[in-house]
Amino acid sequence: MAQQLPGLLAGVYRHYKGGLYQVVGYGHDANYPGRDVVLYIPLYTDPEKPGPRWCVRDVEVSDESHPTHQPGPFFDEIYSPGLVVPRFEYVSPGLSPS
């Protein structure tokens, strides 16, 4: 039985550090049954990271083998002194022409 995934709107999301990303939707890892991911594209270029621009991030981490130094799942929250914010926040359904 497939797990129930949280609601996810396709569109533009802002990372808590400020970058914008176009979220396409959910996907799965064909090599690891049960690993659901969010598929997205950075809306900026980074000369330090050449190569493919499509990215995936785990919907959630379901096992304890996930290294704590790696980026967390899509829906987690970031904790810093006196502040709790979502890792990604929905901004709009798409890019505006302005």
PDB file of N, CA and C in Angstrom:
ATOM      1  N   MET A   1       0.842  -1.183   0.000  1.00  0.00           N
ATOM      2  CA  MET A   1       0.000   0.000   0.000  1.00  0.00           C
ATOM      3  C   MET A   1       0.882   1.240   0.000  1.00  0.00           C
ATOM      4  N   ALA A   2       0.630   2.184  -0.900  1.00  0.00           N
ATOM      5  CA  ALA A   2       1.435   3.401  -1.004  1.00  0.00           C
ATOM      6  C   ALA A   2       1.135   4.334   0.161  1.00  0.00           C
ATOM      7  N   GLN A   3       2.181   5.055   0.579  1.00  0.00           N
ATOM      8  CA  GLN A   3       1.980   6.013   1.668  1.00  0.00           C
ATOM      9  C   GLN A   3       1.241   7.231   1.162  1.00  0.00           C
ATOM     10  N   GLN A   4       0.495   7.888   2.060  1.00  0.00           N
ATOM     11  CA  GLN A   4      -0.194   9.121   1.717  1.00  0.00           C
ATOM     12  C   GLN A   4       0.812  10.259   1.781  1.00  0.00           C
ATOM     13  N   LEU A   5       1.007  10.971   0.668  1.00  0.00           N
ATOM     14  CA  LEU A   5       1.962  12.067   0.626  1.00  0.00           C
ATOM     15  C   LEU A   5       1.287  13.372   1.029  1.00  0.00           C
ATOM     16  N   PRO A   6       2.038  14.275   1.672  1.00  0.00           N
ATOM     17  CA  PRO A   6       1.472  15.580   2.023  1.00  0.00           C
ATOM     18  C   PRO A   6       1.064  16.337   0.762  1.00  0.00           C
ATOM     19  N   GLY A   7       0.113  17.248   0.891  1.00  0.00           N
ATOM     20  CA  GLY A   7      -0.282  18.075  -0.242  1.00  0.00           C
ATOM     21  C   GLY A   7       0.912  18.880  -0.749  1.00  0.00           C
ATOM     22  N   LEU A   8       1.039  18.998  -2.056  1.00  0.00           N
ATOM     23  CA  LEU A   8       2.153  19.731  -2.655  1.00  0.00           C
ATOM     24  C   LEU A   8       1.657  20.453  -3.900  1.00  0.00           C
ATOM     25  N   LEU A   9       1.744  21.774  -3.893  1.00  0.00           N
ATOM     26  CA  LEU A   9       1.388  22.559  -5.062  1.00  0.00           C
ATOM     27  C   LEU A   9       2.607  22.708  -5.962  1.00  0.00           C
ATOM     28  N   ALA A  10       2.440  22.468  -7.256  1.00  0.00           N
ATOM     29  CA  ALA A  10       3.515  22.777  -8.192  1.00  0.00           C
ATOM     30  C   ALA A  10       3.609  24.294  -8.276  1.00  0.00           C
ATOM     31  N   GLY A  11       4.812  24.804  -8.417  1.00  0.00           N
ATOM     32  CA  GLY A  11       4.986  26.253  -8.512  1.00  0.00           C
ATOM     33  C   GLY A  11       6.328  26.676  -7.962  1.00  0.00           C
ATOM     34  N   VAL A  12       6.435  27.957  -7.673  1.00  0.00           N
ATOM     35  CA  VAL A  12       7.684  28.532  -7.193  1.00  0.00           C
ATOM     36  C   VAL A  12       7.706  28.513  -5.667  1.00  0.00           C
ATOM     37  N   TYR A  13       8.839  28.053  -5.131  1.00  0.00           N
ATOM     38  CA  TYR A  13       9.059  28.017  -3.681  1.00  0.00           C
ATOM     39  C   TYR A  13      10.330  28.787  -3.361  1.00  0.00           C
ATOM     40  N   ARG A  14      10.345  29.391  -2.173  1.00  0.00           N
ATOM     41  CA  ARG A  14      11.534  30.093  -1.695  1.00  0.00           C
ATOM     42  C   ARG A  14      12.182  29.249  -0.599  1.00  0.00           C
ATOM     43  N   HIS A  15      13.468  28.969  -0.772  1.00  0.00           N
ATOM     44  CA  HIS A  15      14.246  28.275   0.243  1.00  0.00           C
ATOM     45  C   HIS A  15      14.485  29.233   1.403  1.00  0.00           C
ATOM     46  N   TYR A  16      14.638  28.723   2.601  1.00  0.00           N
ATOM     47  CA  TYR A  16      14.803  29.598   3.757  1.00  0.00           C
ATOM     48  C   TYR A  16      16.031  30.497   3.646  1.00  0.00           C
ATOM     49  N   LYS A  17      17.002  30.140   2.783  1.00  0.00           N
ATOM     50  CA  LYS A  17      18.172  30.995   2.574  1.00  0.00           C
ATOM     51  C   LYS A  17      17.941  32.020   1.456  1.00  0.00           C
ATOM     52  N   GLY A  18      16.770  31.983   0.790  1.00  0.00           N
ATOM     53  CA  GLY A  18      16.421  33.006  -0.181  1.00  0.00           C
ATOM     54  C   GLY A  18      16.306  32.575  -1.631  1.00  0.00           C
ATOM     55  N   GLY A  19      16.908  31.470  -2.029  1.00  0.00           N
ATOM     56  CA  GLY A  19      16.857  31.026  -3.421  1.00  0.00           C
ATOM     57  C   GLY A  19      15.464  30.607  -3.840  1.00  0.00           C
ATOM     58  N   LEU A  20      15.153  30.802  -5.121  1.00  0.00           N
ATOM     59  CA  LEU A  20      13.856  30.394  -5.661  1.00  0.00           C
ATOM     60  C   LEU A  20      14.010  29.102  -6.462  1.00  0.00           C
ATOM     61  N   TYR A  21      12.973  28.260  -6.392  1.00  0.00           N
ATOM     62  CA  TYR A  21      12.975  26.953  -7.049  1.00  0.00           C
ATOM     63  C   TYR A  21      11.612  26.700  -7.666  1.00  0.00           C
ATOM     64  N   GLN A  22      11.609  26.106  -8.861  1.00  0.00           N
ATOM     65  CA  GLN A  22      10.366  25.685  -9.508  1.00  0.00           C
ATOM     66  C   GLN A  22      10.132  24.230  -9.134  1.00  0.00           C
ATOM     67  N   VAL A  23       9.085  23.971  -8.353  1.00  0.00           N
ATOM     68  CA  VAL A  23       8.746  22.610  -7.953  1.00  0.00           C
ATOM     69  C   VAL A  23       7.820  22.011  -9.003  1.00  0.00           C
ATOM     70  N   VAL A  24       8.214  20.847  -9.512  1.00  0.00           N
ATOM     71  CA  VAL A  24       7.437  20.157 -10.535  1.00  0.00           C
ATOM     72  C   VAL A  24       6.396  19.246  -9.891  1.00  0.00           C
ATOM     73  N   GLY A  25       6.790  18.500  -8.871  1.00  0.00           N
ATOM     74  CA  GLY A  25       5.871  17.596  -8.195  1.00  0.00           C
ATOM     75  C   GLY A  25       6.617  16.447  -7.552  1.00  0.00           C
ATOM     76  N   TYR A  26       5.878  15.399  -7.274  1.00  0.00           N
ATOM     77  CA  TYR A  26       6.453  14.216  -6.636  1.00  0.00           C
ATOM     78  C   TYR A  26       7.056  13.263  -7.656  1.00  0.00           C
ATOM     79  N   GLY A  27       8.025  12.498  -7.213  1.00  0.00           N
ATOM     80  CA  GLY A  27       8.605  11.418  -7.991  1.00  0.00           C
ATOM     81  C   GLY A  27       8.969  10.292  -7.047  1.00  0.00           C
ATOM     82  N   HIS A  28       9.524   9.225  -7.600  1.00  0.00           N
ATOM     83  CA  HIS A  28      10.004   8.132  -6.746  1.00  0.00           C
ATOM     84  C   HIS A  28      11.357   7.680  -7.258  1.00  0.00           C
ATOM     85  N   ASP A  29      12.097   7.063  -6.397  1.00  0.00           N
ATOM     86  CA  ASP A  29      13.414   6.542  -6.752  1.00  0.00           C
ATOM     87  C   ASP A  29      13.221   5.115  -7.242  1.00  0.00           C
ATOM     88  N   ALA A  30      13.486   4.892  -8.526  1.00  0.00           N
ATOM     89  CA  ALA A  30      13.270   3.573  -9.122  1.00  0.00           C
ATOM     90  C   ALA A  30      14.187   2.512  -8.514  1.00  0.00           C
ATOM     91  N   ASN A  31      15.283   2.906  -7.901  1.00  0.00           N
ATOM     92  CA  ASN A  31      16.209   1.955  -7.304  1.00  0.00           C
ATOM     93  C   ASN A  31      15.906   1.640  -5.852  1.00  0.00           C
ATOM     94  N   TYR A  32      15.101   2.470  -5.204  1.00  0.00           N
ATOM     95  CA  TYR A  32      14.811   2.299  -3.778  1.00  0.00           C
ATOM     96  C   TYR A  32      13.313   2.420  -3.546  1.00  0.00           C
ATOM     97  N   PRO A  33      12.598   1.298  -3.579  1.00  0.00           N
ATOM     98  CA  PRO A  33      11.155   1.345  -3.361  1.00  0.00           C
ATOM     99  C   PRO A  33      10.833   2.042  -2.037  1.00  0.00           C
ATOM    100  N   GLY A  34       9.815   2.890  -2.074  1.00  0.00           N
ATOM    101  CA  GLY A  34       9.405   3.592  -0.866  1.00  0.00           C
ATOM    102  C   GLY A  34      10.087   4.941  -0.677  1.00  0.00           C
ATOM    103  N   ARG A  35      11.085   5.259  -1.512  1.00  0.00           N
ATOM    104  CA  ARG A  35      11.739   6.566  -1.391  1.00  0.00           C
ATOM    105  C   ARG A  35      11.015   7.541  -2.316  1.00  0.00           C
ATOM    106  N   ASP A  36      10.210   8.402  -1.714  1.00  0.00           N
ATOM    107  CA  ASP A  36       9.492   9.421  -2.467  1.00  0.00           C
ATOM    108  C   ASP A  36      10.280  10.718  -2.401  1.00  0.00           C
ATOM    109  N   VAL A  37      10.296  11.446  -3.514  1.00  0.00           N
ATOM    110  CA  VAL A  37      11.076  12.676  -3.607  1.00  0.00           C
ATOM    111  C   VAL A  37      10.229  13.795  -4.203  1.00  0.00           C
ATOM    112  N   VAL A  38      10.672  15.037  -3.970  1.00  0.00           N
ATOM    113  CA  VAL A  38      10.113  16.204  -4.637  1.00  0.00           C
ATOM    114  C   VAL A  38      11.093  16.579  -5.741  1.00  0.00           C
ATOM    115  N   LEU A  39      10.596  16.768  -6.960  1.00  0.00           N
ATOM    116  CA  LEU A  39      11.409  17.125  -8.111  1.00  0.00           C
ATOM    117  C   LEU A  39      11.326  18.637  -8.316  1.00  0.00           C
ATOM    118  N   TYR A  40      12.502  19.301  -8.399  1.00  0.00           N
ATOM    119  CA  TYR A  40      12.494  20.753  -8.547  1.00  0.00           C
ATOM    120  C   TYR A  40      13.703  21.237  -9.334  1.00  0.00           C
ATOM    121  N   ILE A  41      13.639  22.514  -9.772  1.00  0.00           N
ATOM    122  CA  ILE A  41      14.692  23.124 -10.585  1.00  0.00           C
ATOM    123  C   ILE A  41      15.087  24.450  -9.943  1.00  0.00           C
ATOM    124  N   PRO A  42      16.361  24.649  -9.631  1.00  0.00           N
ATOM    125  CA  PRO A  42      16.785  25.962  -9.135  1.00  0.00           C
ATOM    126  C   PRO A  42      16.530  27.031 -10.201  1.00  0.00           C
ATOM    127  N   LEU A  43      16.043  28.190  -9.781  1.00  0.00           N
ATOM    128  CA  LEU A  43      15.778  29.287 -10.710  1.00  0.00           C
ATOM    129  C   LEU A  43      16.905  30.308 -10.695  1.00  0.00           C
ATOM    130  N   TYR A  44      18.085  29.841 -10.415  1.00  0.00           N
ATOM    131  CA  TYR A  44      19.278  30.682 -10.426  1.00  0.00           C
ATOM    132  C   TYR A  44      20.407  29.823 -10.963  1.00  0.00           C
ATOM    133  N   THR A  45      21.483  30.436 -11.376  1.00  0.00           N
ATOM    134  CA  THR A  45      22.651  29.673 -11.799  1.00  0.00           C
ATOM    135  C   THR A  45      23.735  29.813 -10.749  1.00  0.00           C
ATOM    136  N   ASP A  46      24.538  28.787 -10.623  1.00  0.00           N
ATOM    137  CA  ASP A  46      25.633  28.774  -9.656  1.00  0.00           C
ATOM    138  C   ASP A  46      26.855  28.202 -10.363  1.00  0.00           C
ATOM    139  N   PRO A  47      27.848  29.047 -10.664  1.00  0.00           N
ATOM    140  CA  PRO A  47      29.035  28.560 -11.378  1.00  0.00           C
ATOM    141  C   PRO A  47      29.802  27.497 -10.601  1.00  0.00           C
ATOM    142  N   GLU A  48      29.556  27.404  -9.308  1.00  0.00           N
ATOM    143  CA  GLU A  48      30.207  26.379  -8.485  1.00  0.00           C
ATOM    144  C   GLU A  48      29.551  25.008  -8.660  1.00  0.00           C
ATOM    145  N   LYS A  49      28.350  24.980  -9.247  1.00  0.00           N
ATOM    146  CA  LYS A  49      27.613  23.725  -9.411  1.00  0.00           C
ATOM    147  C   LYS A  49      27.198  23.537 -10.868  1.00  0.00           C
ATOM    148  N   PRO A  50      28.165  23.292 -11.765  1.00  0.00           N
ATOM    149  CA  PRO A  50      27.803  23.056 -13.161  1.00  0.00           C
ATOM    150  C   PRO A  50      27.152  21.681 -13.320  1.00  0.00           C
ATOM    151  N   GLY A  51      26.506  21.489 -14.427  1.00  0.00           N
ATOM    152  CA  GLY A  51      25.913  20.184 -14.695  1.00  0.00           C
ATOM    153  C   GLY A  51      24.397  20.241 -14.676  1.00  0.00           C
ATOM    154  N   PRO A  52      23.757  19.075 -14.539  1.00  0.00           N
ATOM    155  CA  PRO A  52      22.299  19.010 -14.590  1.00  0.00           C
ATOM    156  C   PRO A  52      21.657  19.903 -13.533  1.00  0.00           C
ATOM    157  N   ARG A  53      20.553  20.543 -13.916  1.00  0.00           N
ATOM    158  CA  ARG A  53      19.888  21.462 -12.992  1.00  0.00           C
ATOM    159  C   ARG A  53      18.713  20.818 -12.260  1.00  0.00           C
ATOM    160  N   TRP A  54      18.193  19.699 -12.732  1.00  0.00           N
ATOM    161  CA  TRP A  54      17.081  19.049 -12.050  1.00  0.00           C
ATOM    162  C   TRP A  54      17.573  18.493 -10.718  1.00  0.00           C
ATOM    163  N   CYS A  55      16.769  18.668  -9.679  1.00  0.00           N
ATOM    164  CA  CYS A  55      17.157  18.217  -8.336  1.00  0.00           C
ATOM    165  C   CYS A  55      16.018  17.408  -7.720  1.00  0.00           C
ATOM    166  N   VAL A  56      16.362  16.588  -6.745  1.00  0.00           N
ATOM    167  CA  VAL A  56      15.358  15.899  -5.948  1.00  0.00           C
ATOM    168  C   VAL A  56      15.709  16.056  -4.479  1.00  0.00           C
ATOM    169  N   ARG A  57      14.689  16.017  -3.654  1.00  0.00           N
ATOM    170  CA  ARG A  57      14.872  16.060  -2.204  1.00  0.00           C
ATOM    171  C   ARG A  57      13.864  15.081  -1.610  1.00  0.00           C
ATOM    172  N   ASP A  58      14.299  14.325  -0.616  1.00  0.00           N
ATOM    173  CA  ASP A  58      13.397  13.381   0.040  1.00  0.00           C
ATOM    174  C   ASP A  58      12.164  14.094   0.575  1.00  0.00           C
ATOM    175  N   VAL A  59      11.001  13.456   0.412  1.00  0.00           N
ATOM    176  CA  VAL A  59       9.780  13.975   1.015  1.00  0.00           C
ATOM    177  C   VAL A  59       9.923  13.901   2.521  1.00  0.00           C
ATOM    178  N   GLU A  60      10.352  12.764   3.012  1.00  0.00           N
ATOM    179  CA  GLU A  60      10.651  12.605   4.422  1.00  0.00           C
ATOM    180  C   GLU A  60      11.703  11.526   4.580  1.00  0.00           C
ATOM    181  N   VAL A  61      12.356  11.541   5.721  1.00  0.00           N
ATOM    182  CA  VAL A  61      13.381  10.552   5.995  1.00  0.00           C
ATOM    183  C   VAL A  61      12.755   9.505   6.903  1.00  0.00           C
ATOM    184  N   SER A  62      12.693   8.264   6.410  1.00  0.00           N
ATOM    185  CA  SER A  62      11.984   7.235   7.161  1.00  0.00           C
ATOM    186  C   SER A  62      12.923   6.252   7.857  1.00  0.00           C
ATOM    187  N   ASP A  63      14.230   6.418   7.674  1.00  0.00           N
ATOM    188  CA  ASP A  63      15.137   5.501   8.367  1.00  0.00           C
ATOM    189  C   ASP A  63      16.242   6.288   9.051  1.00  0.00           C
ATOM    190  N   GLU A  64      16.878   5.677  10.013  1.00  0.00           N
ATOM    191  CA  GLU A  64      17.888   6.348  10.817  1.00  0.00           C
ATOM    192  C   GLU A  64      19.259   6.353  10.156  1.00  0.00           C
ATOM    193  N   SER A  65      19.381   5.760   8.974  1.00  0.00           N
ATOM    194  CA  SER A  65      20.681   5.731   8.302  1.00  0.00           C
ATOM    195  C   SER A  65      20.961   7.031   7.550  1.00  0.00           C
ATOM    196  N   HIS A  66      19.962   7.929   7.499  1.00  0.00           N
ATOM    197  CA  HIS A  66      20.153   9.207   6.805  1.00  0.00           C
ATOM    198  C   HIS A  66      21.171  10.047   7.575  1.00  0.00           C
ATOM    199  N   PRO A  67      22.297  10.405   6.956  1.00  0.00           N
ATOM    200  CA  PRO A  67      23.320  11.170   7.673  1.00  0.00           C
ATOM    201  C   PRO A  67      22.801  12.541   8.103  1.00  0.00           C
ATOM    202  N   THR A  68      23.061  12.916   9.326  1.00  0.00           N
ATOM    203  CA  THR A  68      22.525  14.171   9.839  1.00  0.00           C
ATOM    204  C   THR A  68      23.175  15.385   9.193  1.00  0.00           C
ATOM    205  N   HIS A  69      24.332  15.216   8.552  1.00  0.00           N
ATOM    206  CA  HIS A  69      24.970  16.361   7.915  1.00  0.00           C
ATOM    207  C   HIS A  69      24.441  16.638   6.517  1.00  0.00           C
ATOM    208  N   GLN A  70      23.571  15.790   6.006  1.00  0.00           N
ATOM    209  CA  GLN A  70      22.998  15.987   4.681  1.00  0.00           C
ATOM    210  C   GLN A  70      21.788  16.917   4.767  1.00  0.00           C
ATOM    211  N   PRO A  71      21.423  17.566   3.651  1.00  0.00           N
ATOM    212  CA  PRO A  71      20.206  18.378   3.658  1.00  0.00           C
ATOM    213  C   PRO A  71      19.008  17.529   4.067  1.00  0.00           C
ATOM    214  N   GLY A  72      18.107  18.114   4.793  1.00  0.00           N
ATOM    215  CA  GLY A  72      16.954  17.385   5.299  1.00  0.00           C
ATOM    216  C   GLY A  72      15.863  17.220   4.266  1.00  0.00           C
ATOM    217  N   PRO A  73      14.751  16.597   4.672  1.00  0.00           N
ATOM    218  CA  PRO A  73      13.642  16.381   3.750  1.00  0.00           C
ATOM    219  C   PRO A  73      12.950  17.692   3.369  1.00  0.00           C
ATOM    220  N   PHE A  74      12.158  17.640   2.319  1.00  0.00           N
ATOM    221  CA  PHE A  74      11.518  18.835   1.774  1.00  0.00           C
ATOM    222  C   PHE A  74      10.637  19.543   2.796  1.00  0.00           C
ATOM    223  N   PHE A  75       9.878  18.801   3.576  1.00  0.00           N
ATOM    224  CA  PHE A  75       8.894  19.404   4.466  1.00  0.00           C
ATOM    225  C   PHE A  75       9.406  19.693   5.874  1.00  0.00           C
ATOM    226  N   ASP A  76      10.706  19.567   6.125  1.00  0.00           N
ATOM    227  CA  ASP A  76      11.163  19.807   7.491  1.00  0.00           C
ATOM    228  C   ASP A  76      11.242  21.302   7.793  1.00  0.00           C
ATOM    229  N   GLU A  77      11.461  21.596   9.062  1.00  0.00           N
ATOM    230  CA  GLU A  77      11.586  22.981   9.510  1.00  0.00           C
ATOM    231  C   GLU A  77      13.017  23.237   9.928  1.00  0.00           C
ATOM    232  N   ILE A  78      13.428  24.488   9.808  1.00  0.00           N
ATOM    233  CA  ILE A  78      14.774  24.900  10.186  1.00  0.00           C
ATOM    234  C   ILE A  78      14.679  25.606  11.528  1.00  0.00           C
ATOM    235  N   TYR A  79      15.512  25.182  12.448  1.00  0.00           N
ATOM    236  CA  TYR A  79      15.532  25.764  13.781  1.00  0.00           C
ATOM    237  C   TYR A  79      16.799  26.576  13.960  1.00  0.00           C
ATOM    238  N   SER A  80      16.624  27.833  14.299  1.00  0.00           N
ATOM    239  CA  SER A  80      17.750  28.674  14.654  1.00  0.00           C
ATOM    240  C   SER A  80      17.313  29.476  15.871  1.00  0.00           C
ATOM    241  N   PRO A  81      18.212  30.140  16.557  1.00  0.00           N
ATOM    242  CA  PRO A  81      17.833  30.824  17.805  1.00  0.00           C
ATOM    243  C   PRO A  81      16.603  31.718  17.642  1.00  0.00           C
ATOM    244  N   GLY A  82      15.539  31.362  18.339  1.00  0.00           N
ATOM    245  CA  GLY A  82      14.311  32.143  18.336  1.00  0.00           C
ATOM    246  C   GLY A  82      13.500  32.089  17.060  1.00  0.00           C
ATOM    247  N   LEU A  83      13.784  31.154  16.159  1.00  0.00           N
ATOM    248  CA  LEU A  83      13.120  31.129  14.864  1.00  0.00           C
ATOM    249  C   LEU A  83      12.892  29.693  14.398  1.00  0.00           C
ATOM    250  N   VAL A  84      11.691  29.418  13.912  1.00  0.00           N
ATOM    251  CA  VAL A  84      11.369  28.142  13.278  1.00  0.00           C
ATOM    252  C   VAL A  84      10.706  28.476  11.951  1.00  0.00           C
ATOM    253  N   VAL A  85      11.310  28.045  10.841  1.00  0.00           N
ATOM    254  CA  VAL A  85      10.777  28.350   9.513  1.00  0.00           C
ATOM    255  C   VAL A  85      10.773  27.084   8.672  1.00  0.00           C
ATOM    256  N   PRO A  86       9.864  26.995   7.689  1.00  0.00           N
ATOM    257  CA  PRO A  86       9.902  25.838   6.793  1.00  0.00           C
ATOM    258  C   PRO A  86      11.124  25.910   5.888  1.00  0.00           C
ATOM    259  N   ARG A  87      11.663  24.758   5.513  1.00  0.00           N
ATOM    260  CA  ARG A  87      12.812  24.729   4.597  1.00  0.00           C
ATOM    261  C   ARG A  87      12.435  25.386   3.259  1.00  0.00           C
ATOM    262  N   PHE A  88      11.241  25.078   2.734  1.00  0.00           N
ATOM    263  CA  PHE A  88      10.733  25.675   1.501  1.00  0.00           C
ATOM    264  C   PHE A  88       9.354  26.258   1.773  1.00  0.00           C
ATOM    265  N   GLU A  89       9.094  27.459   1.237  1.00  0.00           N
ATOM    266  CA  GLU A  89       7.811  28.129   1.400  1.00  0.00           C
ATOM    267  C   GLU A  89       7.231  28.423   0.023  1.00  0.00           C
ATOM    268  N   TYR A  90       5.957  28.074  -0.181  1.00  0.00           N
ATOM    269  CA  TYR A  90       5.288  28.309  -1.455  1.00  0.00           C
ATOM    270  C   TYR A  90       5.171  29.809  -1.707  1.00  0.00           C
ATOM    271  N   VAL A  91       5.502  30.245  -2.942  1.00  0.00           N
ATOM    272  CA  VAL A  91       5.469  31.665  -3.303  1.00  0.00           C
ATOM    273  C   VAL A  91       4.367  31.934  -4.329  1.00  0.00           C
ATOM    274  N   SER A  92       4.331  31.171  -5.436  1.00  0.00           N
ATOM    275  CA  SER A  92       3.363  31.429  -6.491  1.00  0.00           C
ATOM    276  C   SER A  92       3.238  30.208  -7.403  1.00  0.00           C
ATOM    277  N   PRO A  93       2.172  30.170  -8.237  1.00  0.00           N
ATOM    278  CA  PRO A  93       2.016  29.028  -9.135  1.00  0.00           C
ATOM    279  C   PRO A  93       3.018  29.012 -10.283  1.00  0.00           C
ATOM    280  N   GLY A  94       3.693  30.115 -10.542  1.00  0.00           N
ATOM    281  CA  GLY A  94       4.683  30.157 -11.614  1.00  0.00           C
ATOM    282  C   GLY A  94       5.403  31.487 -11.622  1.00  0.00           C
ATOM    283  N   LEU A  95       6.320  31.634 -12.538  1.00  0.00           N
ATOM    284  CA  LEU A  95       7.067  32.876 -12.646  1.00  0.00           C
ATOM    285  C   LEU A  95       6.218  33.944 -13.308  1.00  0.00           C
ATOM    286  N   SER A  96       6.267  35.163 -12.791  1.00  0.00           N
ATOM    287  CA  SER A  96       5.544  36.258 -13.433  1.00  0.00           C
ATOM    288  C   SER A  96       6.430  36.863 -14.524  1.00  0.00           C
ATOM    289  N   PRO A  97       5.840  37.446 -15.567  1.00  0.00           N
ATOM    290  CA  PRO A  97       6.639  38.000 -16.661  1.00  0.00           C
ATOM    291  C   PRO A  97       7.365  39.291 -16.305  1.00  0.00           C
ATOM    292  N   SER A  98       7.159  39.839 -15.091  1.00  0.00           N
ATOM    293  CA  SER A  98       7.786  41.114 -14.729  1.00  0.00           C
ATOM    294  C   SER A  98       9.249  40.993 -14.385  1.00  0.00           C
TER     295      SER A  98
END
